[in-house]
Amino acid sequence: MALPSSRPLQQIALSDIAAFTGVVLENGEEFVGRRVDIASDELSGEDVAEVLTRVTGREIHYVELPLEQVRQAMREDGARMFEWFDK
């Protein structure tokens, strides 16, 4: 990714999003007008590589991509997203 290897990034599994969506739908009145940030993990690229190495038994290394490479592949919106993640 186009982030320093030590930059933590909040992440969440799709199944956790689905479960939370169910809670919101069942209790909608409690969430009207509210913004709720959800994340289940906050891991750096180094952390993710470590976990993948342990789980797969294969050596995984984090590689930071140059933002310009991301900009070429994902255009300006993709580059801005990674700039925002880095802040």
PDB file of N, CA and C in Angstrom:
ATOM      1  N   MET A   1       0.832  -1.168   0.000  1.00  0.00           N
ATOM      2  CA  MET A   1       0.000   0.000   0.000  1.00  0.00           C
ATOM      3  C   MET A   1       0.886   1.244   0.000  1.00  0.00           C
ATOM      4  N   ALA A   2       0.293   2.354  -0.300  1.00  0.00           N
ATOM      5  CA  ALA A   2       1.025   3.617  -0.329  1.00  0.00           C
ATOM      6  C   ALA A   2       0.999   4.276   1.041  1.00  0.00           C
ATOM      7  N   LEU A   3       1.451   3.529   2.036  1.00  0.00           N
ATOM      8  CA  LEU A   3       1.537   4.026   3.408  1.00  0.00           C
ATOM      9  C   LEU A   3       2.843   3.547   4.018  1.00  0.00           C
ATOM     10  N   PRO A   4       3.422   4.327   4.932  1.00  0.00           N
ATOM     11  CA  PRO A   4       4.602   3.832   5.632  1.00  0.00           C
ATOM     12  C   PRO A   4       4.264   2.526   6.360  1.00  0.00           C
ATOM     13  N   SER A   5       5.239   1.644   6.463  1.00  0.00           N
ATOM     14  CA  SER A   5       4.990   0.326   7.060  1.00  0.00           C
ATOM     15  C   SER A   5       4.540   0.391   8.510  1.00  0.00           C
ATOM     16  N   SER A   6       4.851   1.486   9.192  1.00  0.00           N
ATOM     17  CA  SER A   6       4.479   1.603  10.604  1.00  0.00           C
ATOM     18  C   SER A   6       3.161   2.356  10.821  1.00  0.00           C
ATOM     19  N   ARG A   7       2.541   2.836   9.749  1.00  0.00           N
ATOM     20  CA  ARG A   7       1.299   3.612   9.878  1.00  0.00           C
ATOM     21  C   ARG A   7       0.136   2.688  10.215  1.00  0.00           C
ATOM     22  N   PRO A   8      -0.474   2.840  11.401  1.00  0.00           N
ATOM     23  CA  PRO A   8      -1.636   2.000  11.729  1.00  0.00           C
ATOM     24  C   PRO A   8      -2.853   2.420  10.906  1.00  0.00           C
ATOM     25  N   LEU A   9      -3.643   1.449  10.517  1.00  0.00           N
ATOM     26  CA  LEU A   9      -4.838   1.693   9.720  1.00  0.00           C
ATOM     27  C   LEU A   9      -5.982   0.895  10.328  1.00  0.00           C
ATOM     28  N   GLN A  10      -7.081   1.573  10.641  1.00  0.00           N
ATOM     29  CA  GLN A  10      -8.226   0.870  11.200  1.00  0.00           C
ATOM     30  C   GLN A  10      -8.854  -0.007  10.115  1.00  0.00           C
ATOM     31  N   GLN A  11      -9.242  -1.208  10.512  1.00  0.00           N
ATOM     32  CA  GLN A  11      -9.814  -2.175   9.582  1.00  0.00           C
ATOM     33  C   GLN A  11     -10.998  -2.859  10.243  1.00  0.00           C
ATOM     34  N   ILE A  12     -11.849  -3.406   9.409  1.00  0.00           N
ATOM     35  CA  ILE A  12     -12.995  -4.143   9.938  1.00  0.00           C
ATOM     36  C   ILE A  12     -13.400  -5.203   8.924  1.00  0.00           C
ATOM     37  N   ALA A  13     -13.786  -6.348   9.433  1.00  0.00           N
ATOM     38  CA  ALA A  13     -14.236  -7.448   8.580  1.00  0.00           C
ATOM     39  C   ALA A  13     -15.645  -7.171   8.066  1.00  0.00           C
ATOM     40  N   LEU A  14     -15.919  -7.603   6.874  1.00  0.00           N
ATOM     41  CA  LEU A  14     -17.238  -7.430   6.281  1.00  0.00           C
ATOM     42  C   LEU A  14     -18.317  -8.053   7.160  1.00  0.00           C
ATOM     43  N   SER A  15     -18.022  -9.182   7.774  1.00  0.00           N
ATOM     44  CA  SER A  15     -19.014  -9.834   8.641  1.00  0.00           C
ATOM     45  C   SER A  15     -19.339  -8.961   9.860  1.00  0.00           C
ATOM     46  N   ASP A  16     -18.353  -8.208  10.364  1.00  0.00           N
ATOM     47  CA  ASP A  16     -18.608  -7.301  11.485  1.00  0.00           C
ATOM     48  C   ASP A  16     -19.477  -6.123  11.046  1.00  0.00           C
ATOM     49  N   ILE A  17     -19.257  -5.637   9.833  1.00  0.00           N
ATOM     50  CA  ILE A  17     -20.101  -4.558   9.306  1.00  0.00           C
ATOM     51  C   ILE A  17     -21.535  -5.048   9.168  1.00  0.00           C
ATOM     52  N   ALA A  18     -21.699  -6.262   8.658  1.00  0.00           N
ATOM     53  CA  ALA A  18     -23.044  -6.830   8.495  1.00  0.00           C
ATOM     54  C   ALA A  18     -23.736  -6.993   9.850  1.00  0.00           C
ATOM     55  N   ALA A  19     -23.000  -7.475  10.837  1.00  0.00           N
ATOM     56  CA  ALA A  19     -23.587  -7.656  12.174  1.00  0.00           C
ATOM     57  C   ALA A  19     -24.007  -6.315  12.759  1.00  0.00           C
ATOM     58  N   PHE A  20     -23.174  -5.288  12.610  1.00  0.00           N
ATOM     59  CA  PHE A  20     -23.512  -3.975  13.135  1.00  0.00           C
ATOM     60  C   PHE A  20     -24.710  -3.385  12.384  1.00  0.00           C
ATOM     61  N   THR A  21     -24.766  -3.618  11.093  1.00  0.00           N
ATOM     62  CA  THR A  21     -25.908  -3.150  10.310  1.00  0.00           C
ATOM     63  C   THR A  21     -27.198  -3.754  10.837  1.00  0.00           C
ATOM     64  N   GLY A  22     -27.173  -5.025  11.205  1.00  0.00           N
ATOM     65  CA  GLY A  22     -28.340  -5.672  11.788  1.00  0.00           C
ATOM     66  C   GLY A  22     -28.772  -5.002  13.079  1.00  0.00           C
ATOM     67  N   VAL A  23     -27.812  -4.659  13.924  1.00  0.00           N
ATOM     68  CA  VAL A  23     -28.122  -3.964  15.186  1.00  0.00           C
ATOM     69  C   VAL A  23     -28.770  -2.617  14.891  1.00  0.00           C
ATOM     70  N   VAL A  24     -28.243  -1.897  13.910  1.00  0.00           N
ATOM     71  CA  VAL A  24     -28.798  -0.588  13.562  1.00  0.00           C
ATOM     72  C   VAL A  24     -30.216  -0.733  13.024  1.00  0.00           C
ATOM     73  N   LEU A  25     -30.429  -1.716  12.165  1.00  0.00           N
ATOM     74  CA  LEU A  25     -31.766  -1.906  11.602  1.00  0.00           C
ATOM     75  C   LEU A  25     -32.785  -2.303  12.674  1.00  0.00           C
ATOM     76  N   GLU A  26     -32.355  -3.114  13.622  1.00  0.00           N
ATOM     77  CA  GLU A  26     -33.264  -3.557  14.686  1.00  0.00           C
ATOM     78  C   GLU A  26     -33.520  -2.471  15.726  1.00  0.00           C
ATOM     79  N   ASN A  27     -32.609  -1.510  15.834  1.00  0.00           N
ATOM     80  CA  ASN A  27     -32.707  -0.462  16.857  1.00  0.00           C
ATOM     81  C   ASN A  27     -32.550   0.916  16.229  1.00  0.00           C
ATOM     82  N   GLY A  28     -33.187   1.099  15.087  1.00  0.00           N
ATOM     83  CA  GLY A  28     -33.009   2.307  14.294  1.00  0.00           C
ATOM     84  C   GLY A  28     -33.190   3.603  15.036  1.00  0.00           C
ATOM     85  N   GLU A  29     -34.176   3.657  15.921  1.00  0.00           N
ATOM     86  CA  GLU A  29     -34.456   4.903  16.637  1.00  0.00           C
ATOM     87  C   GLU A  29     -33.268   5.367  17.483  1.00  0.00           C
ATOM     88  N   GLU A  30     -32.445   4.446  17.937  1.00  0.00           N
ATOM     89  CA  GLU A  30     -31.271   4.803  18.736  1.00  0.00           C
ATOM     90  C   GLU A  30     -30.165   5.447  17.896  1.00  0.00           C
ATOM     91  N   PHE A  31     -30.225   5.242  16.584  1.00  0.00           N
ATOM     92  CA  PHE A  31     -29.138   5.700  15.726  1.00  0.00           C
ATOM     93  C   PHE A  31     -29.507   6.889  14.849  1.00  0.00           C
ATOM     94  N   VAL A  32     -30.735   7.332  14.892  1.00  0.00           N
ATOM     95  CA  VAL A  32     -31.177   8.457  14.065  1.00  0.00           C
ATOM     96  C   VAL A  32     -30.338   9.690  14.391  1.00  0.00           C
ATOM     97  N   GLY A  33     -29.757  10.284  13.361  1.00  0.00           N
ATOM     98  CA  GLY A  33     -28.975  11.499  13.524  1.00  0.00           C
ATOM     99  C   GLY A  33     -27.586  11.308  14.112  1.00  0.00           C
ATOM    100  N   ARG A  34     -27.164  10.067  14.320  1.00  0.00           N
ATOM    101  CA  ARG A  34     -25.853   9.789  14.907  1.00  0.00           C
ATOM    102  C   ARG A  34     -24.882   9.312  13.849  1.00  0.00           C
ATOM    103  N   ARG A  35     -23.631   9.615  14.061  1.00  0.00           N
ATOM    104  CA  ARG A  35     -22.554   9.059  13.248  1.00  0.00           C
ATOM    105  C   ARG A  35     -21.784   8.108  14.154  1.00  0.00           C
ATOM    106  N   VAL A  36     -21.559   6.896  13.678  1.00  0.00           N
ATOM    107  CA  VAL A  36     -20.866   5.893  14.474  1.00  0.00           C
ATOM    108  C   VAL A  36     -19.680   5.371  13.667  1.00  0.00           C
ATOM    109  N   ASP A  37     -18.484   5.566  14.190  1.00  0.00           N
ATOM    110  CA  ASP A  37     -17.287   5.016  13.561  1.00  0.00           C
ATOM    111  C   ASP A  37     -17.083   3.609  14.100  1.00  0.00           C
ATOM    112  N   ILE A  38     -16.864   2.661  13.214  1.00  0.00           N
ATOM    113  CA  ILE A  38     -16.650   1.283  13.648  1.00  0.00           C
ATOM    114  C   ILE A  38     -15.342   0.764  13.059  1.00  0.00           C
ATOM    115  N   ALA A  39     -14.610   0.034  13.847  1.00  0.00           N
ATOM    116  CA  ALA A  39     -13.388  -0.648  13.421  1.00  0.00           C
ATOM    117  C   ALA A  39     -13.139  -1.754  14.431  1.00  0.00           C
ATOM    118  N   SER A  40     -12.597  -2.861  13.969  1.00  0.00           N
ATOM    119  CA  SER A  40     -12.343  -3.956  14.897  1.00  0.00           C
ATOM    120  C   SER A  40     -10.848  -4.147  15.160  1.00  0.00           C
ATOM    121  N   ASP A  41     -10.010  -3.622  14.282  1.00  0.00           N
ATOM    122  CA  ASP A  41      -8.562  -3.752  14.443  1.00  0.00           C
ATOM    123  C   ASP A  41      -7.887  -2.471  13.978  1.00  0.00           C
ATOM    124  N   GLU A  42      -6.726  -2.199  14.528  1.00  0.00           N
ATOM    125  CA  GLU A  42      -5.896  -1.097  14.047  1.00  0.00           C
ATOM    126  C   GLU A  42      -4.490  -1.663  13.911  1.00  0.00           C
ATOM    127  N   LEU A  43      -4.121  -1.959  12.684  1.00  0.00           N
ATOM    128  CA  LEU A  43      -2.853  -2.629  12.418  1.00  0.00           C
ATOM    129  C   LEU A  43      -2.024  -1.831  11.421  1.00  0.00           C
ATOM    130  N   SER A  44      -0.711  -1.873  11.601  1.00  0.00           N
ATOM    131  CA  SER A  44       0.197  -1.280  10.622  1.00  0.00           C
ATOM    132  C   SER A  44       0.471  -2.318   9.532  1.00  0.00           C
ATOM    133  N   GLY A  45       1.081  -1.890   8.451  1.00  0.00           N
ATOM    134  CA  GLY A  45       1.477  -2.827   7.403  1.00  0.00           C
ATOM    135  C   GLY A  45       2.423  -3.890   7.936  1.00  0.00           C
ATOM    136  N   GLU A  46       3.327  -3.470   8.826  1.00  0.00           N
ATOM    137  CA  GLU A  46       4.238  -4.434   9.464  1.00  0.00           C
ATOM    138  C   GLU A  46       3.458  -5.472  10.256  1.00  0.00           C
ATOM    139  N   ASP A  47       2.436  -5.011  11.002  1.00  0.00           N
ATOM    140  CA  ASP A  47       1.611  -5.918  11.800  1.00  0.00           C
ATOM    141  C   ASP A  47       0.897  -6.933  10.909  1.00  0.00           C
ATOM    142  N   VAL A  48       0.325  -6.457   9.822  1.00  0.00           N
ATOM    143  CA  VAL A  48      -0.403  -7.338   8.908  1.00  0.00           C
ATOM    144  C   VAL A  48       0.536  -8.381   8.317  1.00  0.00           C
ATOM    145  N   ALA A  49       1.724  -7.958   7.897  1.00  0.00           N
ATOM    146  CA  ALA A  49       2.700  -8.899   7.339  1.00  0.00           C
ATOM    147  C   ALA A  49       3.100  -9.951   8.367  1.00  0.00           C
ATOM    148  N   GLU A  50       3.253  -9.514   9.626  1.00  0.00           N
ATOM    149  CA  GLU A  50       3.594 -10.442  10.709  1.00  0.00           C
ATOM    150  C   GLU A  50       2.502 -11.494  10.922  1.00  0.00           C
ATOM    151  N   VAL A  51       1.260 -11.041  10.954  1.00  0.00           N
ATOM    152  CA  VAL A  51       0.129 -11.955  11.146  1.00  0.00           C
ATOM    153  C   VAL A  51       0.045 -12.930   9.972  1.00  0.00           C
ATOM    154  N   LEU A  52       0.147 -12.418   8.749  1.00  0.00           N
ATOM    155  CA  LEU A  52       0.079 -13.296   7.575  1.00  0.00           C
ATOM    156  C   LEU A  52       1.222 -14.309   7.560  1.00  0.00           C
ATOM    157  N   THR A  53       2.409 -13.886   7.977  1.00  0.00           N
ATOM    158  CA  THR A  53       3.545 -14.811   8.063  1.00  0.00           C
ATOM    159  C   THR A  53       3.239 -15.932   9.050  1.00  0.00           C
ATOM    160  N   ARG A  54       2.715 -15.551  10.207  1.00  0.00           N
ATOM    161  CA  ARG A  54       2.406 -16.549  11.246  1.00  0.00           C
ATOM    162  C   ARG A  54       1.303 -17.505  10.797  1.00  0.00           C
ATOM    163  N   VAL A  55       0.258 -16.971  10.179  1.00  0.00           N
ATOM    164  CA  VAL A  55      -0.901 -17.788   9.809  1.00  0.00           C
ATOM    165  C   VAL A  55      -0.612 -18.691   8.608  1.00  0.00           C
ATOM    166  N   THR A  56       0.121 -18.176   7.634  1.00  0.00           N
ATOM    167  CA  THR A  56       0.369 -18.953   6.415  1.00  0.00           C
ATOM    168  C   THR A  56       1.616 -19.815   6.492  1.00  0.00           C
ATOM    169  N   GLY A  57       2.523 -19.480   7.421  1.00  0.00           N
ATOM    170  CA  GLY A  57       3.786 -20.208   7.485  1.00  0.00           C
ATOM    171  C   GLY A  57       4.748 -19.793   6.380  1.00  0.00           C
ATOM    172  N   ARG A  58       4.411 -18.737   5.668  1.00  0.00           N
ATOM    173  CA  ARG A  58       5.269 -18.215   4.587  1.00  0.00           C
ATOM    174  C   ARG A  58       5.715 -16.810   4.967  1.00  0.00           C
ATOM    175  N   GLU A  59       6.940 -16.476   4.615  1.00  0.00           N
ATOM    176  CA  GLU A  59       7.476 -15.152   4.938  1.00  0.00           C
ATOM    177  C   GLU A  59       6.795 -14.092   4.069  1.00  0.00           C
ATOM    178  N   ILE A  60       6.105 -13.161   4.720  1.00  0.00           N
ATOM    179  CA  ILE A  60       5.407 -12.074   4.032  1.00  0.00           C
ATOM    180  C   ILE A  60       6.061 -10.759   4.449  1.00  0.00           C
ATOM    181  N   HIS A  61       6.344  -9.905   3.480  1.00  0.00           N
ATOM    182  CA  HIS A  61       6.959  -8.609   3.750  1.00  0.00           C
ATOM    183  C   HIS A  61       6.043  -7.493   3.259  1.00  0.00           C
ATOM    184  N   TYR A  62       5.963  -6.433   4.022  1.00  0.00           N
ATOM    185  CA  TYR A  62       5.197  -5.262   3.623  1.00  0.00           C
ATOM    186  C   TYR A  62       6.022  -4.459   2.623  1.00  0.00           C
ATOM    187  N   VAL A  63       5.370  -3.990   1.575  1.00  0.00           N
ATOM    188  CA  VAL A  63       6.037  -3.160   0.576  1.00  0.00           C
ATOM    189  C   VAL A  63       5.249  -1.866   0.439  1.00  0.00           C
ATOM    190  N   GLU A  64       5.915  -0.759   0.688  1.00  0.00           N
ATOM    191  CA  GLU A  64       5.274   0.549   0.515  1.00  0.00           C
ATOM    192  C   GLU A  64       5.382   0.966  -0.948  1.00  0.00           C
ATOM    193  N   LEU A  65       4.244   1.219  -1.554  1.00  0.00           N
ATOM    194  CA  LEU A  65       4.223   1.661  -2.946  1.00  0.00           C
ATOM    195  C   LEU A  65       4.362   3.172  -3.008  1.00  0.00           C
ATOM    196  N   PRO A  66       5.058   3.670  -4.024  1.00  0.00           N
ATOM    197  CA  PRO A  66       5.116   5.120  -4.204  1.00  0.00           C
ATOM    198  C   PRO A  66       3.714   5.652  -4.518  1.00  0.00           C
ATOM    199  N   LEU A  67       3.368   6.776  -3.948  1.00  0.00           N
ATOM    200  CA  LEU A  67       2.056   7.365  -4.178  1.00  0.00           C
ATOM    201  C   LEU A  67       1.805   7.610  -5.667  1.00  0.00           C
ATOM    202  N   GLU A  68       2.853   7.943  -6.402  1.00  0.00           N
ATOM    203  CA  GLU A  68       2.687   8.184  -7.843  1.00  0.00           C
ATOM    204  C   GLU A  68       2.231   6.915  -8.572  1.00  0.00           C
ATOM    205  N   GLN A  69       2.701   5.757  -8.137  1.00  0.00           N
ATOM    206  CA  GLN A  69       2.265   4.488  -8.734  1.00  0.00           C
ATOM    207  C   GLN A  69       0.781   4.256  -8.453  1.00  0.00           C
ATOM    208  N   VAL A  70       0.353   4.570  -7.256  1.00  0.00           N
ATOM    209  CA  VAL A  70      -1.059   4.448  -6.891  1.00  0.00           C
ATOM    210  C   VAL A  70      -1.886   5.437  -7.712  1.00  0.00           C
ATOM    211  N   ARG A  71      -1.366   6.646  -7.878  1.00  0.00           N
ATOM    212  CA  ARG A  71      -2.070   7.671  -8.649  1.00  0.00           C
ATOM    213  C   ARG A  71      -2.287   7.201 -10.096  1.00  0.00           C
ATOM    214  N   GLN A  72      -1.298   6.539 -10.672  1.00  0.00           N
ATOM    215  CA  GLN A  72      -1.429   6.029 -12.039  1.00  0.00           C
ATOM    216  C   GLN A  72      -2.454   4.906 -12.121  1.00  0.00           C
ATOM    217  N   ALA A  73      -2.483   4.046 -11.121  1.00  0.00           N
ATOM    218  CA  ALA A  73      -3.392   2.895 -11.141  1.00  0.00           C
ATOM    219  C   ALA A  73      -4.805   3.253 -10.696  1.00  0.00           C
ATOM    220  N   MET A  74      -4.925   4.144  -9.708  1.00  0.00           N
ATOM    221  CA  MET A  74      -6.228   4.438  -9.100  1.00  0.00           C
ATOM    222  C   MET A  74      -6.683   5.877  -9.345  1.00  0.00           C
ATOM    223  N   ARG A  75      -5.920   6.601 -10.128  1.00  0.00           N
ATOM    224  CA  ARG A  75      -6.207   8.004 -10.437  1.00  0.00           C
ATOM    225  C   ARG A  75      -6.111   8.879  -9.188  1.00  0.00           C
ATOM    226  N   GLU A  76      -6.527  10.097  -9.325  1.00  0.00           N
ATOM    227  CA  GLU A  76      -6.365  11.079  -8.248  1.00  0.00           C
ATOM    228  C   GLU A  76      -7.174  10.720  -6.998  1.00  0.00           C
ATOM    229  N   ASP A  77      -8.374  10.174  -7.190  1.00  0.00           N
ATOM    230  CA  ASP A  77      -9.199   9.807  -6.027  1.00  0.00           C
ATOM    231  C   ASP A  77      -8.502   8.760  -5.161  1.00  0.00           C
ATOM    232  N   GLY A  78      -7.895   7.764  -5.788  1.00  0.00           N
ATOM    233  CA  GLY A  78      -7.183   6.736  -5.038  1.00  0.00           C
ATOM    234  C   GLY A  78      -5.984   7.303  -4.301  1.00  0.00           C
ATOM    235  N   ALA A  79      -5.260   8.206  -4.950  1.00  0.00           N
ATOM    236  CA  ALA A  79      -4.099   8.832  -4.316  1.00  0.00           C
ATOM    237  C   ALA A  79      -4.544   9.677  -3.124  1.00  0.00           C
ATOM    238  N   ARG A  80      -5.624  10.419  -3.288  1.00  0.00           N
ATOM    239  CA  ARG A  80      -6.130  11.236  -2.180  1.00  0.00           C
ATOM    240  C   ARG A  80      -6.566  10.374  -1.000  1.00  0.00           C
ATOM    241  N   MET A  81      -7.138   9.201  -1.295  1.00  0.00           N
ATOM    242  CA  MET A  81      -7.549   8.307  -0.230  1.00  0.00           C
ATOM    243  C   MET A  81      -6.335   7.893   0.615  1.00  0.00           C
ATOM    244  N   PHE A  82      -5.228   7.505  -0.048  1.00  0.00           N
ATOM    245  CA  PHE A  82      -4.048   7.090   0.698  1.00  0.00           C
ATOM    246  C   PHE A  82      -3.388   8.263   1.402  1.00  0.00           C
ATOM    247  N   GLU A  83      -3.451   9.457   0.831  1.00  0.00           N
ATOM    248  CA  GLU A  83      -2.952  10.641   1.523  1.00  0.00           C
ATOM    249  C   GLU A  83      -3.750  10.870   2.804  1.00  0.00           C
ATOM    250  N   TRP A  84      -5.067  10.696   2.717  1.00  0.00           N
ATOM    251  CA  TRP A  84      -5.932  10.862   3.890  1.00  0.00           C
ATOM    252  C   TRP A  84      -5.626   9.799   4.939  1.00  0.00           C
ATOM    253  N   PHE A  85      -5.463   8.524   4.497  1.00  0.00           N
ATOM    254  CA  PHE A  85      -5.118   7.454   5.431  1.00  0.00           C
ATOM    255  C   PHE A  85      -3.807   7.781   6.163  1.00  0.00           C
ATOM    256  N   ASP A  86      -2.871   8.401   5.468  1.00  0.00           N
ATOM    257  CA  ASP A  86      -1.558   8.695   6.057  1.00  0.00           C
ATOM    258  C   ASP A  86      -1.639   9.809   7.092  1.00  0.00           C
ATOM    259  N   LYS A  87      -2.687  10.627   7.028  1.00  0.00           N
ATOM    260  CA  LYS A  87      -2.854  11.692   8.020  1.00  0.00           C
ATOM    261  C   LYS A  87      -3.537  11.159   9.242  1.00  0.00           C
TER     262      LYS A  87
END
